[in-house]
Amino acid sequence: MRIEVLYFEDCPNYVPTIDRLRTVLREEGMNVEVLEVEVKNAAAAETLRFIGSPTVRINGLDIETPSRCLAGWGFACRRYAGGLPSETMIRAALREARGK
């Protein structure tokens, strides 16, 4: 399983998202490396199909299912309800990736 967190420098939700993701991984009994990918500019955002900081992908798929169809890329803050991806959203994406 490949887990990536894409972010840009000074994103206020980047570190809390990493912490939440690692907590959920521990609670699920999963020992998976989390790759942290810094997106440095708009050109990199386009190349990486980055839709905002932080973006969490599991096996290349965004953890927020509706966001998988977005066609635009941008160097901007990502808006989640509550500011961070929810534990429920993270768990659902992990279970989808495991085929459960």
PDB file of N, CA and C in Angstrom:
ATOM      1  N   MET A   1       0.849  -1.174   0.000  1.00  0.00           N
ATOM      2  CA  MET A   1       0.000   0.000   0.000  1.00  0.00           C
ATOM      3  C   MET A   1       0.894   1.238   0.000  1.00  0.00           C
ATOM      4  N   ARG A   2       0.533   2.204  -0.828  1.00  0.00           N
ATOM      5  CA  ARG A   2       1.304   3.452  -0.914  1.00  0.00           C
ATOM      6  C   ARG A   2       0.419   4.589  -0.402  1.00  0.00           C
ATOM      7  N   ILE A   3       0.896   5.270   0.629  1.00  0.00           N
ATOM      8  CA  ILE A   3       0.174   6.402   1.193  1.00  0.00           C
ATOM      9  C   ILE A   3       1.039   7.645   1.029  1.00  0.00           C
ATOM     10  N   GLU A   4       0.462   8.657   0.404  1.00  0.00           N
ATOM     11  CA  GLU A   4       1.164   9.919   0.186  1.00  0.00           C
ATOM     12  C   GLU A   4       0.349  11.063   0.789  1.00  0.00           C
ATOM     13  N   VAL A   5       1.062  12.011   1.377  1.00  0.00           N
ATOM     14  CA  VAL A   5       0.445  13.262   1.802  1.00  0.00           C
ATOM     15  C   VAL A   5       1.173  14.365   1.049  1.00  0.00           C
ATOM     16  N   LEU A   6       0.441  15.028   0.174  1.00  0.00           N
ATOM     17  CA  LEU A   6       0.994  16.139  -0.600  1.00  0.00           C
ATOM     18  C   LEU A   6       0.628  17.429   0.114  1.00  0.00           C
ATOM     19  N   TYR A   7       1.580  18.343   0.204  1.00  0.00           N
ATOM     20  CA  TYR A   7       1.379  19.568   0.973  1.00  0.00           C
ATOM     21  C   TYR A   7       2.290  20.661   0.438  1.00  0.00           C
ATOM     22  N   PHE A   8       2.036  21.883   0.874  1.00  0.00           N
ATOM     23  CA  PHE A   8       3.004  22.939   0.623  1.00  0.00           C
ATOM     24  C   PHE A   8       3.462  23.529   1.949  1.00  0.00           C
ATOM     25  N   GLU A   9       4.632  24.132   1.914  1.00  0.00           N
ATOM     26  CA  GLU A   9       5.246  24.703   3.106  1.00  0.00           C
ATOM     27  C   GLU A   9       4.287  25.684   3.772  1.00  0.00           C
ATOM     28  N   ASP A  10       4.266  25.658   5.080  1.00  0.00           N
ATOM     29  CA  ASP A  10       3.447  26.537   5.910  1.00  0.00           C
ATOM     30  C   ASP A  10       1.958  26.206   5.892  1.00  0.00           C
ATOM     31  N   CYS A  11       1.575  25.069   5.362  1.00  0.00           N
ATOM     32  CA  CYS A  11       0.169  24.657   5.413  1.00  0.00           C
ATOM     33  C   CYS A  11      -0.177  24.357   6.877  1.00  0.00           C
ATOM     34  N   PRO A  12      -1.169  25.041   7.447  1.00  0.00           N
ATOM     35  CA  PRO A  12      -1.492  24.824   8.856  1.00  0.00           C
ATOM     36  C   PRO A  12      -2.108  23.457   9.149  1.00  0.00           C
ATOM     37  N   ASN A  13      -2.649  22.785   8.143  1.00  0.00           N
ATOM     38  CA  ASN A  13      -3.308  21.492   8.374  1.00  0.00           C
ATOM     39  C   ASN A  13      -2.457  20.293   7.991  1.00  0.00           C
ATOM     40  N   TYR A  14      -1.272  20.535   7.479  1.00  0.00           N
ATOM     41  CA  TYR A  14      -0.399  19.442   7.042  1.00  0.00           C
ATOM     42  C   TYR A  14       0.028  18.540   8.209  1.00  0.00           C
ATOM     43  N   VAL A  15       0.652  19.093   9.233  1.00  0.00           N
ATOM     44  CA  VAL A  15       1.146  18.272  10.355  1.00  0.00           C
ATOM     45  C   VAL A  15      -0.012  17.609  11.105  1.00  0.00           C
ATOM     46  N   PRO A  16      -1.103  18.323  11.413  1.00  0.00           N
ATOM     47  CA  PRO A  16      -2.226  17.641  12.069  1.00  0.00           C
ATOM     48  C   PRO A  16      -2.817  16.501  11.231  1.00  0.00           C
ATOM     49  N   THR A  17      -2.807  16.656   9.901  1.00  0.00           N
ATOM     50  CA  THR A  17      -3.300  15.575   9.029  1.00  0.00           C
ATOM     51  C   THR A  17      -2.387  14.371   9.117  1.00  0.00           C
ATOM     52  N   ILE A  18      -1.078  14.593   9.088  1.00  0.00           N
ATOM     53  CA  ILE A  18      -0.113  13.490   9.228  1.00  0.00           C
ATOM     54  C   ILE A  18      -0.341  12.780  10.556  1.00  0.00           C
ATOM     55  N   ASP A  19      -0.497  13.557  11.634  1.00  0.00           N
ATOM     56  CA  ASP A  19      -0.717  12.967  12.961  1.00  0.00           C
ATOM     57  C   ASP A  19      -1.993  12.129  12.988  1.00  0.00           C
ATOM     58  N   ARG A  20      -3.068  12.660  12.419  1.00  0.00           N
ATOM     59  CA  ARG A  20      -4.341  11.921  12.397  1.00  0.00           C
ATOM     60  C   ARG A  20      -4.215  10.649  11.568  1.00  0.00           C
ATOM     61  N   LEU A  21      -3.571  10.745  10.427  1.00  0.00           N
ATOM     62  CA  LEU A  21      -3.373   9.589   9.559  1.00  0.00           C
ATOM     63  C   LEU A  21      -2.586   8.504  10.286  1.00  0.00           C
ATOM     64  N   ARG A  22      -1.506   8.879  10.940  1.00  0.00           N
ATOM     65  CA  ARG A  22      -0.692   7.890  11.673  1.00  0.00           C
ATOM     66  C   ARG A  22      -1.451   7.274  12.841  1.00  0.00           C
ATOM     67  N   THR A  23      -2.287   8.067  13.495  1.00  0.00           N
ATOM     68  CA  THR A  23      -3.118   7.530  14.583  1.00  0.00           C
ATOM     69  C   THR A  23      -4.073   6.469  14.053  1.00  0.00           C
ATOM     70  N   VAL A  24      -4.737   6.768  12.942  1.00  0.00           N
ATOM     71  CA  VAL A  24      -5.678   5.807  12.357  1.00  0.00           C
ATOM     72  C   VAL A  24      -4.935   4.550  11.899  1.00  0.00           C
ATOM     73  N   LEU A  25      -3.786   4.722  11.288  1.00  0.00           N
ATOM     74  CA  LEU A  25      -2.995   3.548  10.869  1.00  0.00           C
ATOM     75  C   LEU A  25      -2.662   2.664  12.071  1.00  0.00           C
ATOM     76  N   ARG A  26      -2.240   3.279  13.170  1.00  0.00           N
ATOM     77  CA  ARG A  26      -1.929   2.510  14.390  1.00  0.00           C
ATOM     78  C   ARG A  26      -3.158   1.786  14.901  1.00  0.00           C
ATOM     79  N   GLU A  27      -4.286   2.505  14.961  1.00  0.00           N
ATOM     80  CA  GLU A  27      -5.525   1.900  15.458  1.00  0.00           C
ATOM     81  C   GLU A  27      -6.003   0.755  14.570  1.00  0.00           C
ATOM     82  N   GLU A  28      -5.705   0.831  13.280  1.00  0.00           N
ATOM     83  CA  GLU A  28      -6.082  -0.225  12.336  1.00  0.00           C
ATOM     84  C   GLU A  28      -5.042  -1.352  12.297  1.00  0.00           C
ATOM     85  N   GLY A  29      -3.962  -1.208  13.073  1.00  0.00           N
ATOM     86  CA  GLY A  29      -2.920  -2.237  13.110  1.00  0.00           C
ATOM     87  C   GLY A  29      -2.103  -2.305  11.832  1.00  0.00           C
ATOM     88  N   MET A  30      -1.969  -1.172  11.162  1.00  0.00           N
ATOM     89  CA  MET A  30      -1.252  -1.140   9.883  1.00  0.00           C
ATOM     90  C   MET A  30       0.091  -0.427  10.056  1.00  0.00           C
ATOM     91  N   ASN A  31       1.128  -1.086   9.639  1.00  0.00           N
ATOM     92  CA  ASN A  31       2.469  -0.508   9.667  1.00  0.00           C
ATOM     93  C   ASN A  31       2.845  -0.138   8.233  1.00  0.00           C
ATOM     94  N   VAL A  32       2.418   1.049   7.816  1.00  0.00           N
ATOM     95  CA  VAL A  32       2.619   1.503   6.439  1.00  0.00           C
ATOM     96  C   VAL A  32       3.355   2.834   6.484  1.00  0.00           C
ATOM     97  N   GLU A  33       4.359   2.965   5.642  1.00  0.00           N
ATOM     98  CA  GLU A  33       5.095   4.221   5.554  1.00  0.00           C
ATOM     99  C   GLU A  33       4.208   5.297   4.926  1.00  0.00           C
ATOM    100  N   VAL A  34       4.278   6.492   5.465  1.00  0.00           N
ATOM    101  CA  VAL A  34       3.567   7.636   4.912  1.00  0.00           C
ATOM    102  C   VAL A  34       4.601   8.517   4.211  1.00  0.00           C
ATOM    103  N   LEU A  35       4.439   8.661   2.910  1.00  0.00           N
ATOM    104  CA  LEU A  35       5.358   9.488   2.120  1.00  0.00           C
ATOM    105  C   LEU A  35       4.861  10.926   2.137  1.00  0.00           C
ATOM    106  N   GLU A  36       5.723  11.842   2.530  1.00  0.00           N
ATOM    107  CA  GLU A  36       5.384  13.256   2.568  1.00  0.00           C
ATOM    108  C   GLU A  36       5.994  13.924   1.342  1.00  0.00           C
ATOM    109  N   VAL A  37       5.133  14.506   0.511  1.00  0.00           N
ATOM    110  CA  VAL A  37       5.560  15.083  -0.762  1.00  0.00           C
ATOM    111  C   VAL A  37       5.288  16.582  -0.731  1.00  0.00           C
ATOM    112  N   GLU A  38       6.362  17.374  -0.688  1.00  0.00           N
ATOM    113  CA  GLU A  38       6.194  18.825  -0.708  1.00  0.00           C
ATOM    114  C   GLU A  38       5.983  19.298  -2.145  1.00  0.00           C
ATOM    115  N   VAL A  39       4.932  20.064  -2.335  1.00  0.00           N
ATOM    116  CA  VAL A  39       4.623  20.657  -3.625  1.00  0.00           C
ATOM    117  C   VAL A  39       5.131  22.100  -3.557  1.00  0.00           C
ATOM    118  N   LYS A  40       6.126  22.416  -4.385  1.00  0.00           N
ATOM    119  CA  LYS A  40       6.830  23.687  -4.228  1.00  0.00           C
ATOM    120  C   LYS A  40       6.273  24.848  -5.032  1.00  0.00           C
ATOM    121  N   ASN A  41       5.504  24.575  -6.077  1.00  0.00           N
ATOM    122  CA  ASN A  41       5.000  25.676  -6.903  1.00  0.00           C
ATOM    123  C   ASN A  41       3.836  25.194  -7.771  1.00  0.00           C
ATOM    124  N   ALA A  42       3.260  26.125  -8.519  1.00  0.00           N
ATOM    125  CA  ALA A  42       2.090  25.808  -9.349  1.00  0.00           C
ATOM    126  C   ALA A  42       2.416  24.785 -10.429  1.00  0.00           C
ATOM    127  N   ALA A  43       3.615  24.851 -10.988  1.00  0.00           N
ATOM    128  CA  ALA A  43       3.999  23.875 -12.020  1.00  0.00           C
ATOM    129  C   ALA A  43       4.035  22.470 -11.431  1.00  0.00           C
ATOM    130  N   ALA A  44       4.582  22.339 -10.234  1.00  0.00           N
ATOM    131  CA  ALA A  44       4.610  21.031  -9.566  1.00  0.00           C
ATOM    132  C   ALA A  44       3.198  20.576  -9.225  1.00  0.00           C
ATOM    133  N   ALA A  45       2.346  21.529  -8.836  1.00  0.00           N
ATOM    134  CA  ALA A  45       0.953  21.197  -8.522  1.00  0.00           C
ATOM    135  C   ALA A  45       0.267  20.580  -9.734  1.00  0.00           C
ATOM    136  N   GLU A  46       0.504  21.144 -10.894  1.00  0.00           N
ATOM    137  CA  GLU A  46      -0.108  20.607 -12.112  1.00  0.00           C
ATOM    138  C   GLU A  46       0.452  19.227 -12.444  1.00  0.00           C
ATOM    139  N   THR A  47       1.764  19.080 -12.347  1.00  0.00           N
ATOM    140  CA  THR A  47       2.406  17.793 -12.645  1.00  0.00           C
ATOM    141  C   THR A  47       1.887  16.694 -11.723  1.00  0.00           C
ATOM    142  N   LEU A  48       1.711  17.034 -10.443  1.00  0.00           N
ATOM    143  CA  LEU A  48       1.272  16.052  -9.444  1.00  0.00           C
ATOM    144  C   LEU A  48      -0.248  15.928  -9.330  1.00  0.00           C
ATOM    145  N   ARG A  49      -0.984  16.712 -10.154  1.00  0.00           N
ATOM    146  CA  ARG A  49      -2.448  16.730 -10.075  1.00  0.00           C
ATOM    147  C   ARG A  49      -2.906  17.038  -8.643  1.00  0.00           C
ATOM    148  N   PHE A  50      -2.296  18.059  -8.085  1.00  0.00           N
ATOM    149  CA  PHE A  50      -2.486  18.484  -6.699  1.00  0.00           C
ATOM    150  C   PHE A  50      -3.701  19.396  -6.606  1.00  0.00           C
ATOM    151  N   ILE A  51      -4.657  19.045  -5.753  1.00  0.00           N
ATOM    152  CA  ILE A  51      -5.866  19.865  -5.657  1.00  0.00           C
ATOM    153  C   ILE A  51      -5.908  20.694  -4.382  1.00  0.00           C
ATOM    154  N   GLY A  52      -4.850  20.689  -3.621  1.00  0.00           N
ATOM    155  CA  GLY A  52      -4.772  21.533  -2.434  1.00  0.00           C
ATOM    156  C   GLY A  52      -4.080  20.842  -1.288  1.00  0.00           C
ATOM    157  N   SER A  53      -3.584  21.668  -0.364  1.00  0.00           N
ATOM    158  CA  SER A  53      -2.802  21.179   0.765  1.00  0.00           C
ATOM    159  C   SER A  53      -3.654  21.133   2.025  1.00  0.00           C
ATOM    160  N   PRO A  54      -3.644  19.978   2.691  1.00  0.00           N
ATOM    161  CA  PRO A  54      -2.990  18.716   2.363  1.00  0.00           C
ATOM    162  C   PRO A  54      -3.900  17.807   1.534  1.00  0.00           C
ATOM    163  N   THR A  55      -3.295  17.015   0.688  1.00  0.00           N
ATOM    164  CA  THR A  55      -4.004  15.999  -0.077  1.00  0.00           C
ATOM    165  C   THR A  55      -3.457  14.644   0.341  1.00  0.00           C
ATOM    166  N   VAL A  56      -4.341  13.734   0.690  1.00  0.00           N
ATOM    167  CA  VAL A  56      -3.940  12.379   1.081  1.00  0.00           C
ATOM    168  C   VAL A  56      -4.396  11.422  -0.012  1.00  0.00           C
ATOM    169  N   ARG A  57      -3.457  10.624  -0.484  1.00  0.00           N
ATOM    170  CA  ARG A  57      -3.766   9.613  -1.505  1.00  0.00           C
ATOM    171  C   ARG A  57      -3.308   8.246  -1.022  1.00  0.00           C
ATOM    172  N   ILE A  58      -4.146   7.260  -1.289  1.00  0.00           N
ATOM    173  CA  ILE A  58      -3.798   5.873  -0.991  1.00  0.00           C
ATOM    174  C   ILE A  58      -3.830   5.116  -2.311  1.00  0.00           C
ATOM    175  N   ASN A  59      -2.704   4.525  -2.651  1.00  0.00           N
ATOM    176  CA  ASN A  59      -2.548   3.833  -3.940  1.00  0.00           C
ATOM    177  C   ASN A  59      -2.961   4.743  -5.105  1.00  0.00           C
ATOM    178  N   GLY A  60      -2.622   6.020  -4.987  1.00  0.00           N
ATOM    179  CA  GLY A  60      -2.876   6.980  -6.051  1.00  0.00           C
ATOM    180  C   GLY A  60      -4.258   7.600  -6.059  1.00  0.00           C
ATOM    181  N   LEU A  61      -5.150   7.146  -5.169  1.00  0.00           N
ATOM    182  CA  LEU A  61      -6.517   7.663  -5.129  1.00  0.00           C
ATOM    183  C   LEU A  61      -6.709   8.605  -3.953  1.00  0.00           C
ATOM    184  N   ASP A  62      -7.342   9.733  -4.214  1.00  0.00           N
ATOM    185  CA  ASP A  62      -7.656  10.685  -3.156  1.00  0.00           C
ATOM    186  C   ASP A  62      -8.566  10.003  -2.141  1.00  0.00           C
ATOM    187  N   ILE A  63      -8.366  10.294  -0.850  1.00  0.00           N
ATOM    188  CA  ILE A  63      -9.217   9.664   0.169  1.00  0.00           C
ATOM    189  C   ILE A  63     -10.623  10.240   0.174  1.00  0.00           C
ATOM    190  N   GLU A  64     -10.804  11.407  -0.423  1.00  0.00           N
ATOM    191  CA  GLU A  64     -12.132  12.017  -0.519  1.00  0.00           C
ATOM    192  C   GLU A  64     -12.715  11.626  -1.874  1.00  0.00           C
ATOM    193  N   THR A  65     -13.589  10.643  -1.877  1.00  0.00           N
ATOM    194  CA  THR A  65     -14.093  10.040  -3.115  1.00  0.00           C
ATOM    195  C   THR A  65     -14.575  11.058  -4.152  1.00  0.00           C
ATOM    196  N   PRO A  66     -15.392  12.060  -3.800  1.00  0.00           N
ATOM    197  CA  PRO A  66     -15.849  13.010  -4.827  1.00  0.00           C
ATOM    198  C   PRO A  66     -14.703  13.790  -5.491  1.00  0.00           C
ATOM    199  N   SER A  67     -13.600  13.952  -4.798  1.00  0.00           N
ATOM    200  CA  SER A  67     -12.466  14.710  -5.344  1.00  0.00           C
ATOM    201  C   SER A  67     -11.708  13.949  -6.422  1.00  0.00           C
ATOM    202  N   ARG A  68     -11.974  12.676  -6.549  1.00  0.00           N
ATOM    203  CA  ARG A  68     -11.271  11.876  -7.561  1.00  0.00           C
ATOM    204  C   ARG A  68     -11.645  12.285  -8.979  1.00  0.00           C
ATOM    205  N   CYS A  69     -12.777  12.947  -9.153  1.00  0.00           N
ATOM    206  CA  CYS A  69     -13.226  13.345 -10.494  1.00  0.00           C
ATOM    207  C   CYS A  69     -12.827  14.772 -10.857  1.00  0.00           C
ATOM    208  N   LEU A  70     -12.209  15.491  -9.964  1.00  0.00           N
ATOM    209  CA  LEU A  70     -11.857  16.879 -10.251  1.00  0.00           C
ATOM    210  C   LEU A  70     -10.825  16.955 -11.359  1.00  0.00           C
ATOM    211  N   ALA A  71     -11.005  17.903 -12.235  1.00  0.00           N
ATOM    212  CA  ALA A  71     -10.099  18.048 -13.370  1.00  0.00           C
ATOM    213  C   ALA A  71      -9.105  19.187 -13.170  1.00  0.00           C
ATOM    214  N   GLY A  72      -9.365  20.097 -12.244  1.00  0.00           N
ATOM    215  CA  GLY A  72      -8.470  21.235 -12.054  1.00  0.00           C
ATOM    216  C   GLY A  72      -7.431  20.987 -10.973  1.00  0.00           C
ATOM    217  N   TRP A  73      -6.285  21.609 -11.131  1.00  0.00           N
ATOM    218  CA  TRP A  73      -5.203  21.484 -10.155  1.00  0.00           C
ATOM    219  C   TRP A  73      -4.906  22.871  -9.630  1.00  0.00           C
ATOM    220  N   GLY A  74      -4.355  22.931  -8.443  1.00  0.00           N
ATOM    221  CA  GLY A  74      -4.058  24.255  -7.918  1.00  0.00           C
ATOM    222  C   GLY A  74      -3.127  24.239  -6.734  1.00  0.00           C
ATOM    223  N   PHE A  75      -2.498  25.358  -6.554  1.00  0.00           N
ATOM    224  CA  PHE A  75      -1.570  25.565  -5.450  1.00  0.00           C
ATOM    225  C   PHE A  75      -2.332  26.367  -4.397  1.00  0.00           C
ATOM    226  N   ALA A  76      -3.146  25.672  -3.612  1.00  0.00           N
ATOM    227  CA  ALA A  76      -4.047  26.328  -2.671  1.00  0.00           C
ATOM    228  C   ALA A  76      -4.255  25.458  -1.441  1.00  0.00           C
ATOM    229  N   CYS A  77      -4.904  26.042  -0.442  1.00  0.00           N
ATOM    230  CA  CYS A  77      -5.280  25.270   0.748  1.00  0.00           C
ATOM    231  C   CYS A  77      -6.464  24.376   0.395  1.00  0.00           C
ATOM    232  N   ARG A  78      -6.465  23.213   0.991  1.00  0.00           N
ATOM    233  CA  ARG A  78      -7.565  22.265   0.795  1.00  0.00           C
ATOM    234  C   ARG A  78      -8.560  22.447   1.922  1.00  0.00           C
ATOM    235  N   ARG A  79      -9.830  22.442   1.605  1.00  0.00           N
ATOM    236  CA  ARG A  79     -10.896  22.624   2.597  1.00  0.00           C
ATOM    237  C   ARG A  79     -11.589  21.291   2.876  1.00  0.00           C
ATOM    238  N   TYR A  80     -11.471  20.839   4.101  1.00  0.00           N
ATOM    239  CA  TYR A  80     -12.212  19.674   4.580  1.00  0.00           C
ATOM    240  C   TYR A  80     -13.170  20.177   5.653  1.00  0.00           C
ATOM    241  N   ALA A  81     -14.310  19.532   5.804  1.00  0.00           N
ATOM    242  CA  ALA A  81     -15.196  19.866   6.923  1.00  0.00           C
ATOM    243  C   ALA A  81     -14.409  19.647   8.210  1.00  0.00           C
ATOM    244  N   GLY A  82     -14.349  20.649   9.063  1.00  0.00           N
ATOM    245  CA  GLY A  82     -13.584  20.531  10.290  1.00  0.00           C
ATOM    246  C   GLY A  82     -12.108  20.848  10.109  1.00  0.00           C
ATOM    247  N   GLY A  83     -11.679  21.167   8.892  1.00  0.00           N
ATOM    248  CA  GLY A  83     -10.289  21.552   8.642  1.00  0.00           C
ATOM    249  C   GLY A  83      -9.362  20.434   8.229  1.00  0.00           C
ATOM    250  N   LEU A  84      -9.616  19.226   8.728  1.00  0.00           N
ATOM    251  CA  LEU A  84      -8.758  18.072   8.439  1.00  0.00           C
ATOM    252  C   LEU A  84      -9.596  16.946   7.848  1.00  0.00           C
ATOM    253  N   PRO A  85      -8.957  16.024   7.123  1.00  0.00           N
ATOM    254  CA  PRO A  85      -9.704  14.830   6.725  1.00  0.00           C
ATOM    255  C   PRO A  85     -10.153  14.088   7.986  1.00  0.00           C
ATOM    256  N   SER A  86     -11.381  13.649   8.008  1.00  0.00           N
ATOM    257  CA  SER A  86     -11.894  12.979   9.205  1.00  0.00           C
ATOM    258  C   SER A  86     -11.296  11.574   9.345  1.00  0.00           C
ATOM    259  N   GLU A  87     -11.305  11.079  10.570  1.00  0.00           N
ATOM    260  CA  GLU A  87     -10.855   9.701  10.807  1.00  0.00           C
ATOM    261  C   GLU A  87     -11.717   8.731  10.012  1.00  0.00           C
ATOM    262  N   THR A  88     -13.001   9.021   9.920  1.00  0.00           N
ATOM    263  CA  THR A  88     -13.917   8.160   9.169  1.00  0.00           C
ATOM    264  C   THR A  88     -13.511   8.094   7.699  1.00  0.00           C
ATOM    265  N   MET A  89     -13.189   9.236   7.109  1.00  0.00           N
ATOM    266  CA  MET A  89     -12.770   9.282   5.710  1.00  0.00           C
ATOM    267  C   MET A  89     -11.475   8.494   5.505  1.00  0.00           C
ATOM    268  N   ILE A  90     -10.546   8.663   6.414  1.00  0.00           N
ATOM    269  CA  ILE A  90      -9.261   7.954   6.319  1.00  0.00           C
ATOM    270  C   ILE A  90      -9.485   6.445   6.435  1.00  0.00           C
ATOM    271  N   ARG A  91     -10.278   6.019   7.418  1.00  0.00           N
ATOM    272  CA  ARG A  91     -10.553   4.587   7.606  1.00  0.00           C
ATOM    273  C   ARG A  91     -11.231   3.981   6.374  1.00  0.00           C
ATOM    274  N   ALA A  92     -12.203   4.693   5.822  1.00  0.00           N
ATOM    275  CA  ALA A  92     -12.916   4.187   4.648  1.00  0.00           C
ATOM    276  C   ALA A  92     -11.945   4.012   3.480  1.00  0.00           C
ATOM    277  N   ALA A  93     -11.045   4.960   3.284  1.00  0.00           N
ATOM    278  CA  ALA A  93     -10.080   4.866   2.177  1.00  0.00           C
ATOM    279  C   ALA A  93      -9.104   3.716   2.419  1.00  0.00           C
ATOM    280  N   LEU A  94      -8.681   3.514   3.662  1.00  0.00           N
ATOM    281  CA  LEU A  94      -7.780   2.393   3.969  1.00  0.00           C
ATOM    282  C   LEU A  94      -8.481   1.064   3.719  1.00  0.00           C
ATOM    283  N   ARG A  95      -9.721   0.959   4.133  1.00  0.00           N
ATOM    284  CA  ARG A  95     -10.471  -0.289   3.929  1.00  0.00           C
ATOM    285  C   ARG A  95     -10.730  -0.535   2.457  1.00  0.00           C
ATOM    286  N   GLU A  96     -10.993   0.518   1.692  1.00  0.00           N
ATOM    287  CA  GLU A  96     -11.161   0.371   0.248  1.00  0.00           C
ATOM    288  C   GLU A  96      -9.871  -0.153  -0.364  1.00  0.00           C
ATOM    289  N   ALA A  97      -8.748   0.387   0.051  1.00  0.00           N
ATOM    290  CA  ALA A  97      -7.465  -0.035  -0.504  1.00  0.00           C
ATOM    291  C   ALA A  97      -7.135  -1.488  -0.136  1.00  0.00           C
ATOM    292  N   ARG A  98      -7.601  -1.919   1.032  1.00  0.00           N
ATOM    293  CA  ARG A  98      -7.365  -3.304   1.451  1.00  0.00           C
ATOM    294  C   ARG A  98      -8.399  -4.260   0.862  1.00  0.00           C
ATOM    295  N   GLY A  99      -9.403  -3.711   0.198  1.00  0.00           N
ATOM    296  CA  GLY A  99     -10.425  -4.562  -0.402  1.00  0.00           C
ATOM    297  C   GLY A  99     -11.468  -5.058   0.569  1.00  0.00           C
ATOM    298  N   LYS A 100     -11.696  -4.314   1.655  1.00  0.00           N
ATOM    299  CA  LYS A 100     -12.679  -4.717   2.661  1.00  0.00           C
ATOM    300  C   LYS A 100     -13.894  -3.845   2.602  1.00  0.00           C
TER     301      LYS A 100
END
